[in-house]
């Protein structure tokens, strides 16, 4: 499987921590659907989501 990099930008809802939890839930659900379609097993999905989806604010313009 070829790795692809992408960025998603979300409008924050609630506190930064609440937003991160909501986004992780949405991303996890969609990734699990895609993984199931392609027969992929991800044993560390939560760790990866925790690493890349954070509550840290970005420079908003």
PDB file of N, CA and C in Angstrom:
ATOM      1  N   UNK A   1       0.851  -1.170   0.000  1.00  0.00           N
ATOM      2  CA  UNK A   1       0.000   0.000   0.000  1.00  0.00           C
ATOM      3  C   UNK A   1       0.901   1.238   0.000  1.00  0.00           C
ATOM      4  N   UNK A   2       0.648   2.147  -0.903  1.00  0.00           N
ATOM      5  CA  UNK A   2       1.443   3.365  -1.004  1.00  0.00           C
ATOM      6  C   UNK A   2       1.007   4.368   0.055  1.00  0.00           C
ATOM      7  N   UNK A   3       1.976   4.956   0.749  1.00  0.00           N
ATOM      8  CA  UNK A   3       1.671   5.951   1.777  1.00  0.00           C
ATOM      9  C   UNK A   3       1.315   7.270   1.112  1.00  0.00           C
ATOM     10  N   UNK A   4       0.300   7.916   1.644  1.00  0.00           N
ATOM     11  CA  UNK A   4      -0.102   9.226   1.154  1.00  0.00           C
ATOM     12  C   UNK A   4      -0.208  10.166   2.336  1.00  0.00           C
ATOM     13  N   UNK A   5       0.285  11.376   2.150  1.00  0.00           N
ATOM     14  CA  UNK A   5       0.217  12.370   3.208  1.00  0.00           C
ATOM     15  C   UNK A   5      -0.871  13.372   2.868  1.00  0.00           C
ATOM     16  N   UNK A   6      -1.602  13.800   3.895  1.00  0.00           N
ATOM     17  CA  UNK A   6      -2.634  14.804   3.690  1.00  0.00           C
ATOM     18  C   UNK A   6      -2.868  15.546   4.989  1.00  0.00           C
ATOM     19  N   UNK A   7      -3.463  16.702   4.880  1.00  0.00           N
ATOM     20  CA  UNK A   7      -3.803  17.514   6.048  1.00  0.00           C
ATOM     21  C   UNK A   7      -5.289  17.795   6.028  1.00  0.00           C
ATOM     22  N   UNK A   8      -5.879  17.793   7.189  1.00  0.00           N
ATOM     23  CA  UNK A   8      -7.279  18.169   7.349  1.00  0.00           C
ATOM     24  C   UNK A   8      -7.341  19.334   8.315  1.00  0.00           C
ATOM     25  N   UNK A   9      -8.149  20.298   7.998  1.00  0.00           N
ATOM     26  CA  UNK A   9      -8.344  21.433   8.893  1.00  0.00           C
ATOM     27  C   UNK A   9      -9.785  21.424   9.370  1.00  0.00           C
ATOM     28  N   UNK A  10      -9.964  21.550  10.678  1.00  0.00           N
ATOM     29  CA  UNK A  10     -11.285  21.529  11.279  1.00  0.00           C
ATOM     30  C   UNK A  10     -11.522  22.819  12.043  1.00  0.00           C
ATOM     31  N   UNK A  11     -12.757  23.240  12.060  1.00  0.00           N
ATOM     32  CA  UNK A  11     -13.147  24.355  12.909  1.00  0.00           C
ATOM     33  C   UNK A  11     -13.361  23.785  14.297  1.00  0.00           C
ATOM     34  N   UNK A  12     -12.779  24.421  15.281  1.00  0.00           N
ATOM     35  CA  UNK A  12     -12.830  23.891  16.640  1.00  0.00           C
ATOM     36  C   UNK A  12     -14.227  24.013  17.232  1.00  0.00           C
ATOM     37  N   UNK A  13     -14.622  22.968  17.921  1.00  0.00           N
ATOM     38  CA  UNK A  13     -15.896  22.928  18.635  1.00  0.00           C
ATOM     39  C   UNK A  13     -15.573  22.656  20.096  1.00  0.00           C
ATOM     40  N   UNK A  14     -16.024  23.499  21.005  1.00  0.00           N
ATOM     41  CA  UNK A  14     -15.738  23.299  22.424  1.00  0.00           C
ATOM     42  C   UNK A  14     -14.291  23.618  22.737  1.00  0.00           C
ATOM     43  N   UNK A  15     -13.762  22.948  23.733  1.00  0.00           N
ATOM     44  CA  UNK A  15     -12.367  23.157  24.120  1.00  0.00           C
ATOM     45  C   UNK A  15     -11.458  22.435  23.124  1.00  0.00           C
ATOM     46  N   UNK A  16     -10.185  22.784  23.087  1.00  0.00           N
ATOM     47  CA  UNK A  16      -9.267  22.069  22.194  1.00  0.00           C
ATOM     48  C   UNK A  16      -9.249  20.559  22.463  1.00  0.00           C
ATOM     49  N   UNK A  17      -9.318  20.181  23.727  1.00  0.00           N
ATOM     50  CA  UNK A  17      -9.318  18.753  24.072  1.00  0.00           C
ATOM     51  C   UNK A  17     -10.578  18.060  23.556  1.00  0.00           C
ATOM     52  N   UNK A  18     -11.733  18.718  23.689  1.00  0.00           N
ATOM     53  CA  UNK A  18     -12.985  18.147  23.190  1.00  0.00           C
ATOM     54  C   UNK A  18     -12.937  18.010  21.673  1.00  0.00           C
ATOM     55  N   UNK A  19     -12.403  19.017  21.005  1.00  0.00           N
ATOM     56  CA  UNK A  19     -12.290  18.969  19.548  1.00  0.00           C
ATOM     57  C   UNK A  19     -11.414  17.805  19.107  1.00  0.00           C
ATOM     58  N   UNK A  20     -10.289  17.608  19.776  1.00  0.00           N
ATOM     59  CA  UNK A  20      -9.390  16.511  19.420  1.00  0.00           C
ATOM     60  C   UNK A  20     -10.086  15.166  19.589  1.00  0.00           C
ATOM     61  N   UNK A  21     -10.857  15.004  20.644  1.00  0.00           N
ATOM     62  CA  UNK A  21     -11.589  13.753  20.877  1.00  0.00           C
ATOM     63  C   UNK A  21     -12.609  13.515  19.769  1.00  0.00           C
ATOM     64  N   UNK A  22     -13.341  14.559  19.389  1.00  0.00           N
ATOM     65  CA  UNK A  22     -14.354  14.440  18.335  1.00  0.00           C
ATOM     66  C   UNK A  22     -13.698  14.067  17.006  1.00  0.00           C
ATOM     67  N   UNK A  23     -12.620  14.752  16.654  1.00  0.00           N
ATOM     68  CA  UNK A  23     -11.937  14.482  15.388  1.00  0.00           C
ATOM     69  C   UNK A  23     -11.367  13.067  15.378  1.00  0.00           C
ATOM     70  N   UNK A  24     -10.743  12.644  16.467  1.00  0.00           N
ATOM     71  CA  UNK A  24     -10.204  11.282  16.540  1.00  0.00           C
ATOM     72  C   UNK A  24     -11.303  10.249  16.337  1.00  0.00           C
ATOM     73  N   UNK A  25     -12.458  10.479  16.935  1.00  0.00           N
ATOM     74  CA  UNK A  25     -13.578   9.549  16.787  1.00  0.00           C
ATOM     75  C   UNK A  25     -14.016   9.462  15.323  1.00  0.00           C
ATOM     76  N   UNK A  26     -14.163  10.608  14.671  1.00  0.00           N
ATOM     77  CA  UNK A  26     -14.584  10.628  13.269  1.00  0.00           C
ATOM     78  C   UNK A  26     -13.552   9.952  12.368  1.00  0.00           C
ATOM     79  N   UNK A  27     -12.290  10.275  12.569  1.00  0.00           N
ATOM     80  CA  UNK A  27     -11.230   9.708  11.741  1.00  0.00           C
ATOM     81  C   UNK A  27     -11.112   8.208  11.976  1.00  0.00           C
ATOM     82  N   UNK A  28     -11.158   7.779  13.236  1.00  0.00           N
ATOM     83  CA  UNK A  28     -11.060   6.348  13.559  1.00  0.00           C
ATOM     84  C   UNK A  28     -12.162   5.560  12.854  1.00  0.00           C
ATOM     85  N   UNK A  29     -13.380   6.079  12.914  1.00  0.00           N
ATOM     86  CA  UNK A  29     -14.523   5.389  12.305  1.00  0.00           C
ATOM     87  C   UNK A  29     -14.331   5.233  10.794  1.00  0.00           C
ATOM     88  N   UNK A  30     -13.913   6.299  10.123  1.00  0.00           N
ATOM     89  CA  UNK A  30     -13.731   6.249   8.672  1.00  0.00           C
ATOM     90  C   UNK A  30     -12.530   5.392   8.277  1.00  0.00           C
ATOM     91  N   UNK A  31     -11.446   5.481   9.031  1.00  0.00           N
ATOM     92  CA  UNK A  31     -10.289   4.640   8.731  1.00  0.00           C
ATOM     93  C   UNK A  31     -10.616   3.165   8.915  1.00  0.00           C
ATOM     94  N   UNK A  32     -11.370   2.833   9.944  1.00  0.00           N
ATOM     95  CA  UNK A  32     -11.734   1.438  10.167  1.00  0.00           C
ATOM     96  C   UNK A  32     -12.579   0.901   9.015  1.00  0.00           C
ATOM     97  N   UNK A  33     -13.464   1.732   8.461  1.00  0.00           N
ATOM     98  CA  UNK A  33     -14.251   1.310   7.289  1.00  0.00           C
ATOM     99  C   UNK A  33     -13.331   1.019   6.107  1.00  0.00           C
ATOM    100  N   UNK A  34     -12.397   1.931   5.848  1.00  0.00           N
ATOM    101  CA  UNK A  34     -11.473   1.772   4.733  1.00  0.00           C
ATOM    102  C   UNK A  34     -10.566   0.563   4.946  1.00  0.00           C
ATOM    103  N   UNK A  35     -10.068   0.389   6.164  1.00  0.00           N
ATOM    104  CA  UNK A  35      -9.218  -0.758   6.463  1.00  0.00           C
ATOM    105  C   UNK A  35      -9.974  -2.068   6.233  1.00  0.00           C
ATOM    106  N   UNK A  36     -11.227  -2.110   6.645  1.00  0.00           N
ATOM    107  CA  UNK A  36     -12.024  -3.321   6.474  1.00  0.00           C
ATOM    108  C   UNK A  36     -12.214  -3.641   4.989  1.00  0.00           C
ATOM    109  N   UNK A  37     -12.441  -2.618   4.176  1.00  0.00           N
ATOM    110  CA  UNK A  37     -12.621  -2.826   2.736  1.00  0.00           C
ATOM    111  C   UNK A  37     -11.369  -3.399   2.087  1.00  0.00           C
ATOM    112  N   UNK A  38     -10.199  -3.017   2.585  1.00  0.00           N
ATOM    113  CA  UNK A  38      -8.939  -3.424   1.977  1.00  0.00           C
ATOM    114  C   UNK A  38      -8.229  -4.531   2.750  1.00  0.00           C
ATOM    115  N   UNK A  39      -8.864  -5.055   3.785  1.00  0.00           N
ATOM    116  CA  UNK A  39      -8.278  -6.149   4.544  1.00  0.00           C
ATOM    117  C   UNK A  39      -7.069  -5.753   5.378  1.00  0.00           C
ATOM    118  N   UNK A  40      -7.042  -4.511   5.810  1.00  0.00           N
ATOM    119  CA  UNK A  40      -5.915  -4.007   6.599  1.00  0.00           C
ATOM    120  C   UNK A  40      -6.212  -4.189   8.080  1.00  0.00           C
ATOM    121  N   UNK A  41      -5.202  -4.612   8.827  1.00  0.00           N
ATOM    122  CA  UNK A  41      -5.325  -4.724  10.277  1.00  0.00           C
ATOM    123  C   UNK A  41      -4.396  -3.687  10.894  1.00  0.00           C
ATOM    124  N   UNK A  42      -4.956  -2.791  11.682  1.00  0.00           N
ATOM    125  CA  UNK A  42      -4.169  -1.740  12.336  1.00  0.00           C
ATOM    126  C   UNK A  42      -4.250  -1.961  13.841  1.00  0.00           C
ATOM    127  N   UNK A  43      -3.185  -2.501  14.399  1.00  0.00           N
ATOM    128  CA  UNK A  43      -3.185  -2.791  15.834  1.00  0.00           C
ATOM    129  C   UNK A  43      -2.827  -1.578  16.679  1.00  0.00           C
ATOM    130  N   UNK A  44      -2.289  -0.535  16.040  1.00  0.00           N
ATOM    131  CA  UNK A  44      -1.859   0.644  16.790  1.00  0.00           C
ATOM    132  C   UNK A  44      -2.585   1.914  16.342  1.00  0.00           C
ATOM    133  N   UNK A  45      -3.797   1.796  15.875  1.00  0.00           N
ATOM    134  CA  UNK A  45      -4.530   2.945  15.342  1.00  0.00           C
ATOM    135  C   UNK A  45      -4.699   4.043  16.382  1.00  0.00           C
ATOM    136  N   UNK A  46      -5.051   3.688  17.596  1.00  0.00           N
ATOM    137  CA  UNK A  46      -5.238   4.707  18.634  1.00  0.00           C
ATOM    138  C   UNK A  46      -3.936   5.451  18.924  1.00  0.00           C
ATOM    139  N   UNK A  47      -2.826   4.736  18.939  1.00  0.00           N
ATOM    140  CA  UNK A  47      -1.528   5.379  19.178  1.00  0.00           C
ATOM    141  C   UNK A  47      -1.191   6.359  18.058  1.00  0.00           C
ATOM    142  N   UNK A  48      -1.462   5.971  16.830  1.00  0.00           N
ATOM    143  CA  UNK A  48      -1.180   6.844  15.686  1.00  0.00           C
ATOM    144  C   UNK A  48      -2.066   8.080  15.734  1.00  0.00           C
ATOM    145  N   UNK A  49      -3.345   7.891  16.031  1.00  0.00           N
ATOM    146  CA  UNK A  49      -4.251   9.039  16.117  1.00  0.00           C
ATOM    147  C   UNK A  49      -3.827   9.979  17.240  1.00  0.00           C
ATOM    148  N   UNK A  50      -3.419   9.424  18.371  1.00  0.00           N
ATOM    149  CA  UNK A  50      -2.957  10.261  19.486  1.00  0.00           C
ATOM    150  C   UNK A  50      -1.703  11.051  19.111  1.00  0.00           C
ATOM    151  N   UNK A  51      -0.860  10.455  18.287  1.00  0.00           N
ATOM    152  CA  UNK A  51       0.377  11.125  17.889  1.00  0.00           C
ATOM    153  C   UNK A  51       0.106  12.286  16.929  1.00  0.00           C
ATOM    154  N   UNK A  52      -0.824  12.094  15.993  1.00  0.00           N
ATOM    155  CA  UNK A  52      -1.006  13.073  14.929  1.00  0.00           C
ATOM    156  C   UNK A  52      -2.205  14.002  15.099  1.00  0.00           C
ATOM    157  N   UNK A  53      -3.133  13.662  15.966  1.00  0.00           N
ATOM    158  CA  UNK A  53      -4.283  14.538  16.212  1.00  0.00           C
ATOM    159  C   UNK A  53      -4.166  15.025  17.639  1.00  0.00           C
ATOM    160  N   UNK A  54      -3.826  16.279  17.776  1.00  0.00           N
ATOM    161  CA  UNK A  54      -3.588  16.845  19.099  1.00  0.00           C
ATOM    162  C   UNK A  54      -4.497  18.035  19.338  1.00  0.00           C
ATOM    163  N   UNK A  55      -4.545  18.473  20.577  1.00  0.00           N
ATOM    164  CA  UNK A  55      -5.357  19.632  20.949  1.00  0.00           C
ATOM    165  C   UNK A  55      -4.556  20.919  20.855  1.00  0.00           C
ATOM    166  N   UNK A  56      -3.344  20.830  20.336  1.00  0.00           N
ATOM    167  CA  UNK A  56      -2.502  22.012  20.224  1.00  0.00           C
ATOM    168  C   UNK A  56      -3.047  22.935  19.141  1.00  0.00           C
ATOM    169  N   UNK A  57      -3.235  24.198  19.460  1.00  0.00           N
ATOM    170  CA  UNK A  57      -3.740  25.130  18.448  1.00  0.00           C
ATOM    171  C   UNK A  57      -2.689  25.396  17.373  1.00  0.00           C
ATOM    172  N   UNK A  58      -3.170  25.628  16.164  1.00  0.00           N
ATOM    173  CA  UNK A  58      -2.279  25.980  15.067  1.00  0.00           C
ATOM    174  C   UNK A  58      -2.373  27.474  14.825  1.00  0.00           C
ATOM    175  N   UNK A  59      -1.525  27.969  13.983  1.00  0.00           N
ATOM    176  CA  UNK A  59      -1.577  29.389  13.636  1.00  0.00           C
ATOM    177  C   UNK A  59      -2.774  29.626  12.729  1.00  0.00           C
ATOM    178  N   UNK A  60      -3.831  30.168  13.281  1.00  0.00           N
ATOM    179  CA  UNK A  60      -5.039  30.426  12.501  1.00  0.00           C
ATOM    180  C   UNK A  60      -4.949  31.801  11.880  1.00  0.00           C
ATOM    181  N   UNK A  61      -5.406  31.895  10.636  1.00  0.00           N
ATOM    182  CA  UNK A  61      -5.371  33.186   9.952  1.00  0.00           C
ATOM    183  C   UNK A  61      -6.744  33.597   9.534  1.00  0.00           C
TER     184      UNK A  61
END
